[in-house]
Structures are given as structure tokens and as C-alpha cells.
Amino acid sequence: MKVQNIKDVNKFFEVVDNCAGKVELVTGEGDRLNLKSKLCQYVSLANIFSNGEIPELEIIAYEKEDIDKLLNFMING
């Protein structure tokens, strides 16, 4: 799923951390990075966002309940 305009990065990571299954970031090169890893969160997203906002990224969640959590975050913040 593509997510856009994440203004509250900390809340986004909180939602990711609360997911039951794997949540991966898909890089421009097609690599998949585990977003539940704190190291991957810092390293992979350091180059993606500026001014504390993430403009767009592609993530993959494998559990339906996790997809629902992420969609709820995108809709309701």
C-alpha cells in the first residue's frame, strides 16, 4: 500500500510497532526493509522525509488486522 503525507512520524512508528506481523518498507530499488526494526526505521527513513514529514512511501503488511490499523491511521491520524 502507498501511504502519503505522514505528518506525525512518531505516531506512524507507534502504529507500526503495535502491528502483530511484519511491516516492510519497499525501497525505490525494490528492497524490503523491516519497519518493526528500530534500526531500519532510523536508517531507511532518514533519507525519505524532510521537515518531519514523510511525503510518500510504499509499505507491505501481511496481517489483515495490521492493514486495518495502518489504514485507520491514514484516515483518522
PDB file of N, CA and C in Angstrom:
ATOM      1  N   MET A   1       0.843  -1.168   0.000  1.00  0.00           N
ATOM      2  CA  MET A   1       0.000   0.000   0.000  1.00  0.00           C
ATOM      3  C   MET A   1       0.886   1.227   0.000  1.00  0.00           C
ATOM      4  N   LYS A   2       0.453   2.247  -0.688  1.00  0.00           N
ATOM      5  CA  LYS A   2       1.163   3.523  -0.700  1.00  0.00           C
ATOM      6  C   LYS A   2       0.573   4.384   0.402  1.00  0.00           C
ATOM      7  N   VAL A   3       1.445   4.978   1.184  1.00  0.00           N
ATOM      8  CA  VAL A   3       0.997   5.912   2.209  1.00  0.00           C
ATOM      9  C   VAL A   3       1.614   7.266   1.892  1.00  0.00           C
ATOM     10  N   GLN A   4       0.851   8.321   2.145  1.00  0.00           N
ATOM     11  CA  GLN A   4       1.286   9.662   1.784  1.00  0.00           C
ATOM     12  C   GLN A   4       1.058  10.637   2.921  1.00  0.00           C
ATOM     13  N   ASN A   5       1.878  11.676   2.908  1.00  0.00           N
ATOM     14  CA  ASN A   5       1.714  12.828   3.801  1.00  0.00           C
ATOM     15  C   ASN A   5       1.600  12.441   5.266  1.00  0.00           C
ATOM     16  N   ILE A   6       2.534  11.629   5.728  1.00  0.00           N
ATOM     17  CA  ILE A   6       2.573  11.283   7.146  1.00  0.00           C
ATOM     18  C   ILE A   6       3.169  12.471   7.887  1.00  0.00           C
ATOM     19  N   LYS A   7       2.331  13.155   8.645  1.00  0.00           N
ATOM     20  CA  LYS A   7       2.783  14.348   9.350  1.00  0.00           C
ATOM     21  C   LYS A   7       3.280  14.017  10.756  1.00  0.00           C
ATOM     22  N   ASP A   8       2.708  12.999  11.373  1.00  0.00           N
ATOM     23  CA  ASP A   8       3.118  12.594  12.718  1.00  0.00           C
ATOM     24  C   ASP A   8       3.919  11.302  12.612  1.00  0.00           C
ATOM     25  N   VAL A   9       5.225  11.448  12.403  1.00  0.00           N
ATOM     26  CA  VAL A   9       6.107  10.304  12.190  1.00  0.00           C
ATOM     27  C   VAL A   9       6.138   9.403  13.425  1.00  0.00           C
ATOM     28  N   ASN A  10       6.162  10.003  14.606  1.00  0.00           N
ATOM     29  CA  ASN A  10       6.196   9.212  15.846  1.00  0.00           C
ATOM     30  C   ASN A  10       4.947   8.347  15.980  1.00  0.00           C
ATOM     31  N   LYS A  11       3.799   8.901  15.671  1.00  0.00           N
ATOM     32  CA  LYS A  11       2.546   8.136  15.741  1.00  0.00           C
ATOM     33  C   LYS A  11       2.550   7.013  14.703  1.00  0.00           C
ATOM     34  N   PHE A  12       3.092   7.282  13.507  1.00  0.00           N
ATOM     35  CA  PHE A  12       3.188   6.257  12.476  1.00  0.00           C
ATOM     36  C   PHE A  12       4.014   5.083  12.974  1.00  0.00           C
ATOM     37  N   PHE A  13       5.181   5.369  13.576  1.00  0.00           N
ATOM     38  CA  PHE A  13       6.030   4.306  14.090  1.00  0.00           C
ATOM     39  C   PHE A  13       5.362   3.573  15.254  1.00  0.00           C
ATOM     40  N   GLU A  14       4.573   4.285  16.038  1.00  0.00           N
ATOM     41  CA  GLU A  14       3.841   3.652  17.138  1.00  0.00           C
ATOM     42  C   GLU A  14       2.835   2.637  16.585  1.00  0.00           C
ATOM     43  N   VAL A  15       2.133   3.007  15.517  1.00  0.00           N
ATOM     44  CA  VAL A  15       1.191   2.089  14.879  1.00  0.00           C
ATOM     45  C   VAL A  15       1.942   0.881  14.322  1.00  0.00           C
ATOM     46  N   VAL A  16       3.071   1.113  13.646  1.00  0.00           N
ATOM     47  CA  VAL A  16       3.881   0.018  13.096  1.00  0.00           C
ATOM     48  C   VAL A  16       4.338  -0.906  14.215  1.00  0.00           C
ATOM     49  N   ASP A  17       4.814  -0.333  15.308  1.00  0.00           N
ATOM     50  CA  ASP A  17       5.293  -1.139  16.438  1.00  0.00           C
ATOM     51  C   ASP A  17       4.191  -2.003  17.038  1.00  0.00           C
ATOM     52  N   ASN A  18       2.946  -1.548  16.952  1.00  0.00           N
ATOM     53  CA  ASN A  18       1.820  -2.285  17.515  1.00  0.00           C
ATOM     54  C   ASN A  18       1.233  -3.322  16.559  1.00  0.00           C
ATOM     55  N   CYS A  19       1.785  -3.409  15.366  1.00  0.00           N
ATOM     56  CA  CYS A  19       1.320  -4.420  14.419  1.00  0.00           C
ATOM     57  C   CYS A  19       1.794  -5.803  14.862  1.00  0.00           C
ATOM     58  N   ALA A  20       0.971  -6.814  14.614  1.00  0.00           N
ATOM     59  CA  ALA A  20       1.284  -8.174  15.042  1.00  0.00           C
ATOM     60  C   ALA A  20       2.282  -8.858  14.109  1.00  0.00           C
ATOM     61  N   GLY A  21       2.168  -8.597  12.822  1.00  0.00           N
ATOM     62  CA  GLY A  21       3.029  -9.253  11.837  1.00  0.00           C
ATOM     63  C   GLY A  21       4.094  -8.325  11.296  1.00  0.00           C
ATOM     64  N   LYS A  22       4.725  -8.777  10.212  1.00  0.00           N
ATOM     65  CA  LYS A  22       5.774  -7.988   9.575  1.00  0.00           C
ATOM     66  C   LYS A  22       5.176  -6.799   8.841  1.00  0.00           C
ATOM     67  N   VAL A  23       5.882  -5.681   8.916  1.00  0.00           N
ATOM     68  CA  VAL A  23       5.555  -4.491   8.138  1.00  0.00           C
ATOM     69  C   VAL A  23       6.857  -4.081   7.467  1.00  0.00           C
ATOM     70  N   GLU A  24       6.823  -3.994   6.140  1.00  0.00           N
ATOM     71  CA  GLU A  24       8.049  -3.726   5.400  1.00  0.00           C
ATOM     72  C   GLU A  24       7.921  -2.459   4.568  1.00  0.00           C
ATOM     73  N   LEU A  25       9.040  -1.757   4.461  1.00  0.00           N
ATOM     74  CA  LEU A  25       9.159  -0.606   3.583  1.00  0.00           C
ATOM     75  C   LEU A  25       9.779  -1.096   2.285  1.00  0.00           C
ATOM     76  N   VAL A  26       9.178  -0.742   1.151  1.00  0.00           N
ATOM     77  CA  VAL A  26       9.722  -1.105  -0.148  1.00  0.00           C
ATOM     78  C   VAL A  26      10.512   0.100  -0.661  1.00  0.00           C
ATOM     79  N   THR A  27      11.815  -0.100  -0.875  1.00  0.00           N
ATOM     80  CA  THR A  27      12.667   0.981  -1.358  1.00  0.00           C
ATOM     81  C   THR A  27      12.470   1.181  -2.853  1.00  0.00           C
ATOM     82  N   GLY A  28      13.017   2.250  -3.378  1.00  0.00           N
ATOM     83  CA  GLY A  28      12.948   2.522  -4.804  1.00  0.00           C
ATOM     84  C   GLY A  28      13.604   1.441  -5.636  1.00  0.00           C
ATOM     85  N   GLU A  29      14.564   0.736  -5.042  1.00  0.00           N
ATOM     86  CA  GLU A  29      15.253  -0.351  -5.740  1.00  0.00           C
ATOM     87  C   GLU A  29      14.523  -1.685  -5.609  1.00  0.00           C
ATOM     88  N   GLY A  30      13.420  -1.711  -4.850  1.00  0.00           N
ATOM     89  CA  GLY A  30      12.655  -2.939  -4.678  1.00  0.00           C
ATOM     90  C   GLY A  30      13.042  -3.750  -3.455  1.00  0.00           C
ATOM     91  N   ASP A  31      14.015  -3.263  -2.680  1.00  0.00           N
ATOM     92  CA  ASP A  31      14.388  -3.960  -1.446  1.00  0.00           C
ATOM     93  C   ASP A  31      13.283  -3.781  -0.416  1.00  0.00           C
ATOM     94  N   ARG A  32      13.159  -4.745   0.475  1.00  0.00           N
ATOM     95  CA  ARG A  32      12.162  -4.669   1.548  1.00  0.00           C
ATOM     96  C   ARG A  32      12.883  -4.609   2.888  1.00  0.00           C
ATOM     97  N   LEU A  33      12.571  -3.569   3.646  1.00  0.00           N
ATOM     98  CA  LEU A  33      13.196  -3.357   4.947  1.00  0.00           C
ATOM     99  C   LEU A  33      12.147  -3.502   6.041  1.00  0.00           C
ATOM    100  N   ASN A  34      12.513  -4.211   7.098  1.00  0.00           N
ATOM    101  CA  ASN A  34      11.612  -4.470   8.215  1.00  0.00           C
ATOM    102  C   ASN A  34      11.398  -3.194   9.023  1.00  0.00           C
ATOM    103  N   LEU A  35      10.202  -2.617   8.945  1.00  0.00           N
ATOM    104  CA  LEU A  35       9.925  -1.375   9.666  1.00  0.00           C
ATOM    105  C   LEU A  35       9.716  -1.585  11.157  1.00  0.00           C
ATOM    106  N   LYS A  36       9.606  -2.818  11.607  1.00  0.00           N
ATOM    107  CA  LYS A  36       9.476  -3.052  13.040  1.00  0.00           C
ATOM    108  C   LYS A  36      10.835  -2.989  13.726  1.00  0.00           C
ATOM    109  N   SER A  37      11.899  -2.990  12.958  1.00  0.00           N
ATOM    110  CA  SER A  37      13.243  -2.843  13.493  1.00  0.00           C
ATOM    111  C   SER A  37      13.529  -1.357  13.682  1.00  0.00           C
ATOM    112  N   LYS A  38      13.893  -0.970  14.888  1.00  0.00           N
ATOM    113  CA  LYS A  38      14.201   0.439  15.162  1.00  0.00           C
ATOM    114  C   LYS A  38      15.351   0.928  14.289  1.00  0.00           C
ATOM    115  N   LEU A  39      16.349   0.088  14.091  1.00  0.00           N
ATOM    116  CA  LEU A  39      17.475   0.482  13.264  1.00  0.00           C
ATOM    117  C   LEU A  39      17.013   0.770  11.840  1.00  0.00           C
ATOM    118  N   CYS A  40      16.177  -0.092  11.289  1.00  0.00           N
ATOM    119  CA  CYS A  40      15.663   0.132   9.931  1.00  0.00           C
ATOM    120  C   CYS A  40      14.793   1.382   9.871  1.00  0.00           C
ATOM    121  N   GLN A  41      14.033   1.641  10.935  1.00  0.00           N
ATOM    122  CA  GLN A  41      13.209   2.844  10.960  1.00  0.00           C
ATOM    123  C   GLN A  41      14.078   4.080  10.807  1.00  0.00           C
ATOM    124  N   TYR A  42      15.148   4.149  11.584  1.00  0.00           N
ATOM    125  CA  TYR A  42      16.001   5.330  11.548  1.00  0.00           C
ATOM    126  C   TYR A  42      16.802   5.421  10.262  1.00  0.00           C
ATOM    127  N   VAL A  43      17.389   4.320   9.862  1.00  0.00           N
ATOM    128  CA  VAL A  43      18.254   4.333   8.682  1.00  0.00           C
ATOM    129  C   VAL A  43      17.459   4.522   7.401  1.00  0.00           C
ATOM    130  N   SER A  44      16.404   3.753   7.221  1.00  0.00           N
ATOM    131  CA  SER A  44      15.670   3.789   5.958  1.00  0.00           C
ATOM    132  C   SER A  44      14.895   5.078   5.762  1.00  0.00           C
ATOM    133  N   LEU A  45      14.383   5.665   6.815  1.00  0.00           N
ATOM    134  CA  LEU A  45      13.554   6.847   6.654  1.00  0.00           C
ATOM    135  C   LEU A  45      14.322   8.154   6.787  1.00  0.00           C
ATOM    136  N   ALA A  46      15.564   8.098   7.203  1.00  0.00           N
ATOM    137  CA  ALA A  46      16.358   9.318   7.353  1.00  0.00           C
ATOM    138  C   ALA A  46      16.472  10.071   6.034  1.00  0.00           C
ATOM    139  N   ASN A  47      16.519   9.355   4.925  1.00  0.00           N
ATOM    140  CA  ASN A  47      16.661   9.989   3.619  1.00  0.00           C
ATOM    141  C   ASN A  47      15.331  10.263   2.940  1.00  0.00           C
ATOM    142  N   ILE A  48      14.239   9.772   3.484  1.00  0.00           N
ATOM    143  CA  ILE A  48      12.949   9.898   2.808  1.00  0.00           C
ATOM    144  C   ILE A  48      12.216  11.178   3.200  1.00  0.00           C
ATOM    145  N   PHE A  49      12.256  11.542   4.478  1.00  0.00           N
ATOM    146  CA  PHE A  49      11.446  12.683   4.874  1.00  0.00           C
ATOM    147  C   PHE A  49      12.282  13.914   5.186  1.00  0.00           C
ATOM    148  N   SER A  50      11.669  15.052   4.984  1.00  0.00           N
ATOM    149  CA  SER A  50      12.279  16.323   5.340  1.00  0.00           C
ATOM    150  C   SER A  50      11.230  17.130   6.090  1.00  0.00           C
ATOM    151  N   ASN A  51      11.682  18.011   6.927  1.00  0.00           N
ATOM    152  CA  ASN A  51      10.774  18.843   7.734  1.00  0.00           C
ATOM    153  C   ASN A  51       9.840  18.014   8.598  1.00  0.00           C
ATOM    154  N   GLY A  52      10.258  16.808   8.988  1.00  0.00           N
ATOM    155  CA  GLY A  52       9.450  15.975   9.869  1.00  0.00           C
ATOM    156  C   GLY A  52       8.230  15.365   9.224  1.00  0.00           C
ATOM    157  N   GLU A  53       8.179  15.348   7.907  1.00  0.00           N
ATOM    158  CA  GLU A  53       7.014  14.822   7.201  1.00  0.00           C
ATOM    159  C   GLU A  53       7.464  13.818   6.150  1.00  0.00           C
ATOM    160  N   ILE A  54       6.744  12.710   6.024  1.00  0.00           N
ATOM    161  CA  ILE A  54       7.052  11.712   5.013  1.00  0.00           C
ATOM    162  C   ILE A  54       6.084  11.933   3.855  1.00  0.00           C
ATOM    163  N   PRO A  55       6.578  12.337   2.667  1.00  0.00           N
ATOM    164  CA  PRO A  55       5.664  12.637   1.568  1.00  0.00           C
ATOM    165  C   PRO A  55       4.969  11.404   1.003  1.00  0.00           C
ATOM    166  N   GLU A  56       5.705  10.310   0.743  1.00  0.00           N
ATOM    167  CA  GLU A  56       5.092   9.094   0.214  1.00  0.00           C
ATOM    168  C   GLU A  56       6.062   7.930   0.374  1.00  0.00           C
ATOM    169  N   LEU A  57       5.513   6.764   0.698  1.00  0.00           N
ATOM    170  CA  LEU A  57       6.308   5.547   0.715  1.00  0.00           C
ATOM    171  C   LEU A  57       5.391   4.359   0.521  1.00  0.00           C
ATOM    172  N   GLU A  58       5.995   3.247   0.123  1.00  0.00           N
ATOM    173  CA  GLU A  58       5.225   2.029  -0.073  1.00  0.00           C
ATOM    174  C   GLU A  58       5.560   1.066   1.042  1.00  0.00           C
ATOM    175  N   ILE A  59       4.525   0.564   1.701  1.00  0.00           N
ATOM    176  CA  ILE A  59       4.724  -0.410   2.768  1.00  0.00           C
ATOM    177  C   ILE A  59       3.878  -1.643   2.489  1.00  0.00           C
ATOM    178  N   ILE A  60       4.322  -2.757   3.049  1.00  0.00           N
ATOM    179  CA  ILE A  60       3.604  -4.021   2.917  1.00  0.00           C
ATOM    180  C   ILE A  60       3.357  -4.556   4.319  1.00  0.00           C
ATOM    181  N   ALA A  61       2.101  -4.847   4.617  1.00  0.00           N
ATOM    182  CA  ALA A  61       1.725  -5.506   5.862  1.00  0.00           C
ATOM    183  C   ALA A  61       1.087  -6.832   5.486  1.00  0.00           C
ATOM    184  N   TYR A  62       1.402  -7.867   6.244  1.00  0.00           N
ATOM    185  CA  TYR A  62       0.962  -9.215   5.881  1.00  0.00           C
ATOM    186  C   TYR A  62      -0.287  -9.689   6.619  1.00  0.00           C
ATOM    187  N   GLU A  63      -0.615  -9.045   7.721  1.00  0.00           N
ATOM    188  CA  GLU A  63      -1.785  -9.441   8.513  1.00  0.00           C
ATOM    189  C   GLU A  63      -2.929  -8.454   8.271  1.00  0.00           C
ATOM    190  N   LYS A  64      -4.144  -8.979   8.096  1.00  0.00           N
ATOM    191  CA  LYS A  64      -5.292  -8.115   7.838  1.00  0.00           C
ATOM    192  C   LYS A  64      -5.492  -7.092   8.951  1.00  0.00           C
ATOM    193  N   GLU A  65      -5.323  -7.515  10.195  1.00  0.00           N
ATOM    194  CA  GLU A  65      -5.508  -6.584  11.316  1.00  0.00           C
ATOM    195  C   GLU A  65      -4.481  -5.456  11.267  1.00  0.00           C
ATOM    196  N   ASP A  66      -3.273  -5.743  10.770  1.00  0.00           N
ATOM    197  CA  ASP A  66      -2.246  -4.716  10.654  1.00  0.00           C
ATOM    198  C   ASP A  66      -2.584  -3.733   9.530  1.00  0.00           C
ATOM    199  N   ILE A  67      -3.098  -4.265   8.431  1.00  0.00           N
ATOM    200  CA  ILE A  67      -3.531  -3.403   7.330  1.00  0.00           C
ATOM    201  C   ILE A  67      -4.630  -2.462   7.814  1.00  0.00           C
ATOM    202  N   ASP A  68      -5.564  -3.001   8.584  1.00  0.00           N
ATOM    203  CA  ASP A  68      -6.649  -2.183   9.130  1.00  0.00           C
ATOM    204  C   ASP A  68      -6.102  -1.083  10.042  1.00  0.00           C
ATOM    205  N   LYS A  69      -5.111  -1.416  10.889  1.00  0.00           N
ATOM    206  CA  LYS A  69      -4.507  -0.411  11.774  1.00  0.00           C
ATOM    207  C   LYS A  69      -3.855   0.703  10.970  1.00  0.00           C
ATOM    208  N   LEU A  70      -3.118   0.309   9.941  1.00  0.00           N
ATOM    209  CA  LEU A  70      -2.416   1.306   9.125  1.00  0.00           C
ATOM    210  C   LEU A  70      -3.403   2.168   8.342  1.00  0.00           C
ATOM    211  N   LEU A  71      -4.454   1.559   7.791  1.00  0.00           N
ATOM    212  CA  LEU A  71      -5.468   2.321   7.089  1.00  0.00           C
ATOM    213  C   LEU A  71      -6.180   3.288   8.033  1.00  0.00           C
ATOM    214  N   ASN A  72      -6.490   2.818   9.225  1.00  0.00           N
ATOM    215  CA  ASN A  72      -7.135   3.690  10.219  1.00  0.00           C
ATOM    216  C   ASN A  72      -6.250   4.877  10.543  1.00  0.00           C
ATOM    217  N   PHE A  73      -4.940   4.650  10.675  1.00  0.00           N
ATOM    218  CA  PHE A  73      -4.015   5.753  10.935  1.00  0.00           C
ATOM    219  C   PHE A  73      -4.031   6.754   9.785  1.00  0.00           C
ATOM    220  N   MET A  74      -4.031   6.242   8.550  1.00  0.00           N
ATOM    221  CA  MET A  74      -4.010   7.139   7.391  1.00  0.00           C
ATOM    222  C   MET A  74      -5.297   7.944   7.276  1.00  0.00           C
ATOM    223  N   ILE A  75      -6.424   7.347   7.650  1.00  0.00           N
ATOM    224  CA  ILE A  75      -7.707   8.035   7.543  1.00  0.00           C
ATOM    225  C   ILE A  75      -7.938   8.985   8.714  1.00  0.00           C
ATOM    226  N   ASN A  76      -7.662   8.491   9.930  1.00  0.00           N
ATOM    227  CA  ASN A  76      -8.018   9.258  11.129  1.00  0.00           C
ATOM    228  C   ASN A  76      -6.846   9.925  11.839  1.00  0.00           C
ATOM    229  N   GLY A  77      -5.644   9.555  11.454  1.00  0.00           N
ATOM    230  CA  GLY A  77      -4.460  10.166  12.067  1.00  0.00           C
ATOM    231  C   GLY A  77      -4.085   9.634  13.369  1.00  0.00           C
TER     232      GLY A  77
END
